[in-house]
Amino acid sequence: MRIRQFPSTRVGVAVFVVRGDKFLMGKRLGAHGHDTWSVPGGHLEFGESFEEAARREVAEETGLSITNIRFAAITNDLFPIERKHYVTIWMLSDYYAGQPITLEPNKYVDHDWYNFDCLPTPLFSPWNQLQNSPFIQDIKRQIDLVPQASLES
């Protein structure tokens, strides 16, 4: 009997870095989501908490320091053409320090601060799930409530 091989499901972590009423987004490069826009993120590593993964991924991609890292949403994201399946953990964080720089130019570039009223396009496909989820209104509310202190550089 032959056992059919399926690709494994991976856990992705996507991080809203909130500064004032805006959050950081960049253009994804590479095969997965090439030329689409999203918040910083990557894969959860073995033994990491969601908060640790969020802090690491933001630092690796942008050089920024973040604080007040908290759970925001979860989406179940299928990429049938690429034969990939991700469970994406969306995290919220507050900007703490630094200026965004491109540290992984083969993965994440052209970052800037956006809000929900003016998102760049095209968005990375997990955004479709997020925007249709019951979590989206709470995310928007939390971004609107960020203290003015996070506006400081």
N, C-alpha and C. Protein backbone atom coordinates (compact mmCIF):
# COMPACT_ATOMS: atom_id res chain seq x y z
N MET A 1 0.84 -1.17 0.00
CA MET A 1 0.00 0.00 0.00
C MET A 1 0.89 1.24 0.00
N ARG A 2 0.56 2.16 -0.87
CA ARG A 2 1.33 3.39 -0.99
C ARG A 2 0.64 4.50 -0.19
N ILE A 3 1.41 5.20 0.63
CA ILE A 3 0.87 6.30 1.43
C ILE A 3 1.09 7.61 0.67
N ARG A 4 0.01 8.36 0.52
CA ARG A 4 0.08 9.64 -0.19
C ARG A 4 0.77 10.68 0.69
N GLN A 5 1.71 11.40 0.12
CA GLN A 5 2.45 12.43 0.84
C GLN A 5 1.77 13.78 0.68
N PHE A 6 1.52 14.46 1.78
CA PHE A 6 0.96 15.80 1.77
C PHE A 6 1.99 16.77 2.32
N PRO A 7 1.98 17.99 1.81
CA PRO A 7 2.86 18.99 2.42
C PRO A 7 2.43 19.24 3.86
N SER A 8 3.34 19.67 4.67
CA SER A 8 2.99 19.93 6.08
C SER A 8 2.37 21.32 6.21
N THR A 9 1.62 21.49 7.28
CA THR A 9 1.05 22.79 7.62
C THR A 9 2.07 23.53 8.46
N ARG A 10 2.27 24.81 8.14
CA ARG A 10 3.25 25.62 8.87
C ARG A 10 2.52 26.70 9.66
N VAL A 11 3.22 27.24 10.64
CA VAL A 11 2.68 28.34 11.43
C VAL A 11 3.44 29.60 11.06
N GLY A 12 2.70 30.59 10.60
CA GLY A 12 3.26 31.89 10.29
C GLY A 12 2.87 32.88 11.37
N VAL A 13 3.72 33.88 11.58
CA VAL A 13 3.42 34.95 12.53
C VAL A 13 3.51 36.26 11.77
N ALA A 14 2.43 37.03 11.78
CA ALA A 14 2.37 38.33 11.12
C ALA A 14 2.19 39.39 12.20
N VAL A 15 2.94 40.50 12.10
CA VAL A 15 3.01 41.44 13.21
C VAL A 15 2.64 42.86 12.78
N PHE A 16 1.57 43.38 13.35
CA PHE A 16 1.25 44.79 13.22
C PHE A 16 2.17 45.55 14.16
N VAL A 17 3.04 46.39 13.61
CA VAL A 17 3.87 47.30 14.41
C VAL A 17 3.17 48.65 14.33
N VAL A 18 2.55 49.05 15.42
CA VAL A 18 1.67 50.22 15.43
C VAL A 18 2.42 51.44 15.95
N ARG A 19 2.31 52.51 15.18
CA ARG A 19 2.91 53.80 15.55
C ARG A 19 1.86 54.87 15.26
N GLY A 20 1.29 55.41 16.32
CA GLY A 20 0.17 56.34 16.14
C GLY A 20 -1.02 55.57 15.61
N ASP A 21 -1.62 56.06 14.53
CA ASP A 21 -2.77 55.37 13.94
C ASP A 21 -2.37 54.59 12.69
N LYS A 22 -1.06 54.34 12.54
CA LYS A 22 -0.56 53.62 11.37
C LYS A 22 0.24 52.39 11.79
N PHE A 23 0.45 51.50 10.84
CA PHE A 23 1.25 50.31 11.09
C PHE A 23 2.17 50.07 9.91
N LEU A 24 3.27 49.37 10.16
CA LEU A 24 4.30 49.14 9.16
C LEU A 24 3.89 48.03 8.20
N MET A 25 4.07 48.28 6.92
CA MET A 25 3.86 47.25 5.89
C MET A 25 5.02 47.31 4.92
N GLY A 26 5.30 46.19 4.29
CA GLY A 26 6.34 46.13 3.28
C GLY A 26 5.96 45.19 2.17
N LYS A 27 6.71 45.24 1.09
CA LYS A 27 6.47 44.37 -0.05
C LYS A 27 7.25 43.07 0.14
N ARG A 28 6.54 41.96 -0.01
CA ARG A 28 7.14 40.63 0.11
C ARG A 28 7.85 40.26 -1.19
N LEU A 29 8.99 39.63 -1.05
CA LEU A 29 9.71 39.10 -2.20
C LEU A 29 9.88 37.61 -2.01
N GLY A 30 10.40 36.93 -2.98
CA GLY A 30 10.54 35.48 -2.90
C GLY A 30 9.33 34.81 -3.53
N ALA A 31 9.31 33.50 -3.51
CA ALA A 31 8.27 32.75 -4.21
C ALA A 31 6.90 32.83 -3.55
N HIS A 32 6.85 32.93 -2.24
CA HIS A 32 5.59 32.88 -1.50
C HIS A 32 5.05 34.30 -1.29
N GLY A 33 4.02 34.67 -2.06
CA GLY A 33 3.45 36.00 -1.94
C GLY A 33 4.27 37.09 -2.60
N HIS A 34 5.04 36.76 -3.61
CA HIS A 34 5.93 37.71 -4.28
C HIS A 34 5.17 38.95 -4.76
N ASP A 35 5.74 40.12 -4.49
CA ASP A 35 5.19 41.42 -4.91
C ASP A 35 3.83 41.74 -4.30
N THR A 36 3.54 41.16 -3.13
CA THR A 36 2.33 41.55 -2.40
C THR A 36 2.76 42.24 -1.11
N TRP A 37 1.83 42.92 -0.47
CA TRP A 37 2.11 43.72 0.71
C TRP A 37 1.56 43.09 1.96
N SER A 38 2.33 43.19 3.04
CA SER A 38 1.88 42.70 4.32
C SER A 38 2.70 43.33 5.44
N VAL A 39 2.31 43.02 6.65
CA VAL A 39 3.07 43.44 7.83
C VAL A 39 4.28 42.51 7.95
N PRO A 40 5.28 42.87 8.74
CA PRO A 40 6.43 41.97 8.93
C PRO A 40 5.99 40.63 9.52
N GLY A 41 6.77 39.60 9.25
CA GLY A 41 6.43 38.30 9.81
C GLY A 41 7.30 37.20 9.25
N GLY A 42 6.99 36.00 9.68
CA GLY A 42 7.74 34.83 9.24
C GLY A 42 7.23 33.59 9.94
N HIS A 43 8.08 32.60 10.04
CA HIS A 43 7.70 31.31 10.62
C HIS A 43 7.96 31.27 12.12
N LEU A 44 7.06 30.60 12.81
CA LEU A 44 7.27 30.29 14.22
C LEU A 44 8.34 29.21 14.30
N GLU A 45 9.36 29.43 15.11
CA GLU A 45 10.42 28.44 15.27
C GLU A 45 10.11 27.54 16.46
N PHE A 46 10.69 26.35 16.45
CA PHE A 46 10.45 25.37 17.50
C PHE A 46 10.72 25.98 18.87
N GLY A 47 9.76 25.85 19.78
CA GLY A 47 9.92 26.29 21.15
C GLY A 47 9.64 27.76 21.39
N GLU A 48 9.38 28.54 20.35
CA GLU A 48 9.13 29.97 20.51
C GLU A 48 7.69 30.24 20.92
N SER A 49 7.51 31.28 21.70
CA SER A 49 6.16 31.79 21.94
C SER A 49 5.81 32.69 20.76
N PHE A 50 4.53 33.01 20.62
CA PHE A 50 4.11 33.92 19.56
C PHE A 50 4.78 35.28 19.75
N GLU A 51 4.89 35.72 20.99
CA GLU A 51 5.50 37.01 21.28
C GLU A 51 6.98 37.02 20.91
N GLU A 52 7.69 35.95 21.23
CA GLU A 52 9.12 35.85 20.88
C GLU A 52 9.30 35.86 19.36
N ALA A 53 8.46 35.12 18.66
CA ALA A 53 8.54 35.09 17.19
C ALA A 53 8.28 36.47 16.60
N ALA A 54 7.28 37.17 17.14
CA ALA A 54 6.95 38.52 16.65
C ALA A 54 8.14 39.46 16.83
N ARG A 55 8.72 39.46 18.02
CA ARG A 55 9.87 40.33 18.31
C ARG A 55 11.05 40.01 17.38
N ARG A 56 11.35 38.72 17.22
CA ARG A 56 12.46 38.29 16.38
C ARG A 56 12.24 38.67 14.92
N GLU A 57 11.06 38.36 14.38
CA GLU A 57 10.79 38.63 12.97
C GLU A 57 10.84 40.11 12.64
N VAL A 58 10.27 40.95 13.49
CA VAL A 58 10.30 42.39 13.26
C VAL A 58 11.74 42.89 13.28
N ALA A 59 12.53 42.45 14.24
CA ALA A 59 13.93 42.88 14.32
C ALA A 59 14.72 42.39 13.12
N GLU A 60 14.52 41.13 12.70
CA GLU A 60 15.26 40.57 11.56
C GLU A 60 14.93 41.29 10.25
N GLU A 61 13.68 41.65 10.05
CA GLU A 61 13.28 42.26 8.78
C GLU A 61 13.44 43.76 8.74
N THR A 62 13.25 44.44 9.88
CA THR A 62 13.19 45.91 9.85
C THR A 62 14.16 46.62 10.79
N GLY A 63 14.74 45.90 11.75
CA GLY A 63 15.61 46.53 12.73
C GLY A 63 14.87 47.27 13.83
N LEU A 64 13.55 47.24 13.82
CA LEU A 64 12.77 47.95 14.85
C LEU A 64 12.67 47.16 16.13
N SER A 65 12.53 47.88 17.23
CA SER A 65 12.20 47.28 18.53
C SER A 65 10.72 47.52 18.78
N ILE A 66 10.05 46.49 19.33
CA ILE A 66 8.63 46.60 19.61
C ILE A 66 8.35 46.26 21.06
N THR A 67 7.19 46.67 21.53
CA THR A 67 6.78 46.41 22.90
C THR A 67 5.29 46.10 22.92
N ASN A 68 4.77 45.72 24.09
CA ASN A 68 3.34 45.45 24.26
C ASN A 68 2.81 44.48 23.18
N ILE A 69 3.50 43.37 23.01
CA ILE A 69 3.16 42.39 21.98
C ILE A 69 2.00 41.54 22.48
N ARG A 70 0.95 41.44 21.65
CA ARG A 70 -0.25 40.72 22.07
C ARG A 70 -0.94 40.07 20.88
N PHE A 71 -1.70 39.03 21.17
CA PHE A 71 -2.45 38.30 20.16
C PHE A 71 -3.52 39.20 19.54
N ALA A 72 -3.69 39.08 18.21
CA ALA A 72 -4.73 39.85 17.52
C ALA A 72 -5.72 38.96 16.79
N ALA A 73 -5.23 37.92 16.09
CA ALA A 73 -6.13 37.11 15.25
C ALA A 73 -5.44 35.82 14.85
N ILE A 74 -6.24 34.93 14.29
CA ILE A 74 -5.72 33.70 13.70
C ILE A 74 -6.49 33.45 12.41
N THR A 75 -5.77 33.08 11.36
CA THR A 75 -6.43 32.74 10.10
C THR A 75 -5.88 31.41 9.59
N ASN A 76 -6.70 30.73 8.81
CA ASN A 76 -6.36 29.45 8.21
C ASN A 76 -6.19 29.71 6.72
N ASP A 77 -4.94 29.70 6.23
CA ASP A 77 -4.63 30.19 4.89
C ASP A 77 -4.11 29.08 3.98
N LEU A 78 -4.88 28.82 2.93
CA LEU A 78 -4.50 27.81 1.94
C LEU A 78 -3.98 28.49 0.69
N PHE A 79 -2.91 27.93 0.14
CA PHE A 79 -2.30 28.40 -1.09
C PHE A 79 -2.26 27.20 -2.05
N PRO A 80 -3.38 26.89 -2.70
CA PRO A 80 -3.47 25.64 -3.47
C PRO A 80 -2.46 25.54 -4.62
N ILE A 81 -2.20 26.63 -5.31
CA ILE A 81 -1.26 26.58 -6.43
C ILE A 81 0.15 26.26 -5.93
N GLU A 82 0.51 26.85 -4.80
CA GLU A 82 1.84 26.62 -4.22
C GLU A 82 1.90 25.37 -3.37
N ARG A 83 0.73 24.74 -3.16
CA ARG A 83 0.62 23.56 -2.29
C ARG A 83 1.15 23.85 -0.89
N LYS A 84 0.69 25.00 -0.36
CA LYS A 84 1.09 25.40 0.99
C LYS A 84 -0.15 25.65 1.83
N HIS A 85 0.00 25.39 3.10
CA HIS A 85 -1.07 25.61 4.07
C HIS A 85 -0.43 26.22 5.30
N TYR A 86 -0.93 27.39 5.69
CA TYR A 86 -0.42 28.09 6.86
C TYR A 86 -1.55 28.38 7.84
N VAL A 87 -1.26 28.28 9.10
CA VAL A 87 -2.07 28.87 10.14
C VAL A 87 -1.30 30.13 10.51
N THR A 88 -1.93 31.29 10.31
CA THR A 88 -1.26 32.55 10.56
C THR A 88 -1.73 33.13 11.88
N ILE A 89 -0.78 33.41 12.75
CA ILE A 89 -1.04 34.05 14.03
C ILE A 89 -0.73 35.53 13.82
N TRP A 90 -1.74 36.36 13.91
CA TRP A 90 -1.59 37.81 13.75
C TRP A 90 -1.39 38.42 15.13
N MET A 91 -0.33 39.20 15.27
CA MET A 91 0.01 39.83 16.54
C MET A 91 -0.04 41.35 16.38
N LEU A 92 -0.38 42.02 17.46
CA LEU A 92 -0.30 43.47 17.54
C LEU A 92 0.87 43.83 18.43
N SER A 93 1.58 44.91 18.08
CA SER A 93 2.65 45.39 18.94
C SER A 93 2.72 46.90 18.79
N ASP A 94 3.35 47.52 19.73
CA ASP A 94 3.57 48.96 19.67
C ASP A 94 5.01 49.21 19.27
N TYR A 95 5.21 50.18 18.39
CA TYR A 95 6.54 50.62 18.02
C TYR A 95 7.26 51.08 19.29
N TYR A 96 8.53 50.73 19.43
CA TYR A 96 9.30 51.17 20.58
C TYR A 96 10.47 52.06 20.17
N ALA A 97 11.31 51.57 19.23
CA ALA A 97 12.48 52.35 18.86
C ALA A 97 13.01 51.91 17.50
N GLY A 98 13.75 52.84 16.87
CA GLY A 98 14.43 52.56 15.62
C GLY A 98 13.72 53.15 14.43
N GLN A 99 14.41 53.12 13.32
CA GLN A 99 13.85 53.51 12.03
C GLN A 99 13.85 52.27 11.15
N PRO A 100 12.76 52.01 10.43
CA PRO A 100 12.73 50.80 9.61
C PRO A 100 13.81 50.82 8.54
N ILE A 101 14.59 49.75 8.50
CA ILE A 101 15.60 49.58 7.46
C ILE A 101 15.41 48.20 6.84
N THR A 102 15.87 48.06 5.64
CA THR A 102 15.74 46.78 4.93
C THR A 102 16.91 45.89 5.32
N LEU A 103 16.65 44.89 6.14
CA LEU A 103 17.69 43.97 6.59
C LEU A 103 17.67 42.65 5.84
N GLU A 104 16.55 42.33 5.20
CA GLU A 104 16.44 41.11 4.40
C GLU A 104 15.91 41.48 3.01
N PRO A 105 16.77 42.09 2.16
CA PRO A 105 16.31 42.62 0.88
C PRO A 105 15.79 41.56 -0.09
N ASN A 106 16.05 40.30 0.19
CA ASN A 106 15.52 39.24 -0.66
C ASN A 106 14.15 38.77 -0.19
N LYS A 107 13.65 39.33 0.95
CA LYS A 107 12.37 38.89 1.52
C LYS A 107 11.37 40.01 1.72
N TYR A 108 11.82 41.22 2.12
CA TYR A 108 10.89 42.25 2.59
C TYR A 108 11.49 43.62 2.34
N VAL A 109 10.86 44.43 1.46
CA VAL A 109 11.40 45.73 1.08
C VAL A 109 10.30 46.79 1.04
N ASP A 110 10.70 48.02 0.76
CA ASP A 110 9.78 49.15 0.53
C ASP A 110 8.81 49.38 1.68
N HIS A 111 9.27 49.26 2.91
CA HIS A 111 8.34 49.41 4.03
C HIS A 111 8.02 50.88 4.28
N ASP A 112 6.79 51.06 4.74
CA ASP A 112 6.29 52.38 5.09
C ASP A 112 5.10 52.20 6.04
N TRP A 113 4.62 53.31 6.58
CA TRP A 113 3.53 53.29 7.55
C TRP A 113 2.20 53.52 6.84
N TYR A 114 1.23 52.67 7.11
CA TYR A 114 -0.09 52.72 6.47
C TYR A 114 -1.19 52.61 7.53
N ASN A 115 -2.43 52.89 7.10
CA ASN A 115 -3.58 52.61 7.94
C ASN A 115 -4.62 51.88 7.10
N PHE A 116 -5.69 51.47 7.73
CA PHE A 116 -6.70 50.67 7.03
C PHE A 116 -7.43 51.46 5.96
N ASP A 117 -7.37 52.79 6.00
CA ASP A 117 -8.03 53.61 4.99
C ASP A 117 -7.21 53.73 3.71
N CYS A 118 -5.94 53.36 3.77
CA CYS A 118 -5.06 53.54 2.61
C CYS A 118 -4.02 52.42 2.57
N LEU A 119 -4.47 51.20 2.28
CA LEU A 119 -3.57 50.04 2.23
C LEU A 119 -2.93 49.94 0.85
N PRO A 120 -1.66 49.53 0.79
CA PRO A 120 -1.04 49.31 -0.52
C PRO A 120 -1.64 48.05 -1.16
N THR A 121 -1.49 47.94 -2.46
CA THR A 121 -1.99 46.76 -3.17
C THR A 121 -0.93 46.24 -4.11
N PRO A 122 -1.02 44.96 -4.42
CA PRO A 122 -1.96 43.96 -3.91
C PRO A 122 -1.52 43.46 -2.53
N LEU A 123 -2.50 43.07 -1.73
CA LEU A 123 -2.22 42.53 -0.40
C LEU A 123 -1.91 41.04 -0.47
N PHE A 124 -1.06 40.59 0.44
CA PHE A 124 -0.76 39.16 0.60
C PHE A 124 -2.07 38.44 0.90
N SER A 125 -2.31 37.30 0.29
CA SER A 125 -3.63 36.65 0.36
C SER A 125 -4.17 36.38 1.78
N PRO A 126 -3.36 36.12 2.81
CA PRO A 126 -3.95 35.96 4.15
C PRO A 126 -4.74 37.19 4.62
N TRP A 127 -4.46 38.35 4.04
CA TRP A 127 -5.23 39.54 4.39
C TRP A 127 -6.71 39.37 4.05
N ASN A 128 -7.03 38.60 3.01
CA ASN A 128 -8.44 38.36 2.67
C ASN A 128 -9.15 37.69 3.82
N GLN A 129 -8.52 36.65 4.38
CA GLN A 129 -9.10 35.96 5.53
C GLN A 129 -9.21 36.91 6.73
N LEU A 130 -8.15 37.67 6.97
CA LEU A 130 -8.14 38.58 8.12
C LEU A 130 -9.25 39.61 8.01
N GLN A 131 -9.39 40.23 6.84
CA GLN A 131 -10.38 41.29 6.68
C GLN A 131 -11.82 40.77 6.77
N ASN A 132 -12.01 39.48 6.54
CA ASN A 132 -13.34 38.88 6.65
C ASN A 132 -13.55 38.16 7.98
N SER A 133 -12.59 38.30 8.88
CA SER A 133 -12.67 37.58 10.15
C SER A 133 -13.38 38.41 11.22
N PRO A 134 -13.82 37.75 12.28
CA PRO A 134 -14.43 38.49 13.39
C PRO A 134 -13.39 39.31 14.18
N PHE A 135 -12.12 39.11 13.91
CA PHE A 135 -11.05 39.81 14.63
C PHE A 135 -10.80 41.23 14.12
N ILE A 136 -11.17 41.50 12.88
CA ILE A 136 -10.71 42.74 12.23
C ILE A 136 -11.17 44.00 12.95
N GLN A 137 -12.39 44.02 13.44
CA GLN A 137 -12.88 45.23 14.11
C GLN A 137 -12.11 45.50 15.40
N ASP A 138 -11.76 44.45 16.14
CA ASP A 138 -10.98 44.63 17.36
C ASP A 138 -9.57 45.13 17.03
N ILE A 139 -8.98 44.64 15.96
CA ILE A 139 -7.65 45.11 15.55
C ILE A 139 -7.72 46.59 15.23
N LYS A 140 -8.70 46.99 14.44
CA LYS A 140 -8.84 48.41 14.10
C LYS A 140 -9.05 49.26 15.35
N ARG A 141 -9.88 48.79 16.26
CA ARG A 141 -10.13 49.52 17.50
C ARG A 141 -8.86 49.68 18.31
N GLN A 142 -8.08 48.60 18.43
CA GLN A 142 -6.84 48.67 19.21
C GLN A 142 -5.82 49.62 18.58
N ILE A 143 -5.75 49.65 17.25
CA ILE A 143 -4.83 50.57 16.58
C ILE A 143 -5.26 52.01 16.83
N ASP A 144 -6.55 52.27 16.82
CA ASP A 144 -7.05 53.62 17.08
C ASP A 144 -6.80 54.06 18.52
N LEU A 145 -6.62 53.12 19.45
CA LEU A 145 -6.44 53.45 20.87
C LEU A 145 -4.98 53.54 21.31
N VAL A 146 -4.03 53.38 20.37
CA VAL A 146 -2.62 53.42 20.74
C VAL A 146 -2.28 54.79 21.31
N PRO A 147 -1.60 54.84 22.45
CA PRO A 147 -1.25 56.12 23.08
C PRO A 147 -0.38 56.98 22.18
N GLN A 148 -0.51 58.28 22.31
CA GLN A 148 0.28 59.21 21.50
C GLN A 148 1.78 59.05 21.73
N ALA A 149 2.20 58.50 22.87
CA ALA A 149 3.63 58.32 23.15
C ALA A 149 4.29 57.46 22.08
N SER A 150 3.53 56.58 21.42
CA SER A 150 4.13 55.72 20.40
C SER A 150 4.46 56.49 19.12
N LEU A 151 4.08 57.77 19.04
CA LEU A 151 4.43 58.59 17.88
C LEU A 151 5.87 59.07 17.93
N GLU A 152 6.48 59.03 19.10
CA GLU A 152 7.85 59.52 19.24
C GLU A 152 8.82 58.59 18.54
N SER A 153 9.87 59.16 17.96
CA SER A 153 10.86 58.34 17.23
C SER A 153 11.82 57.69 18.17
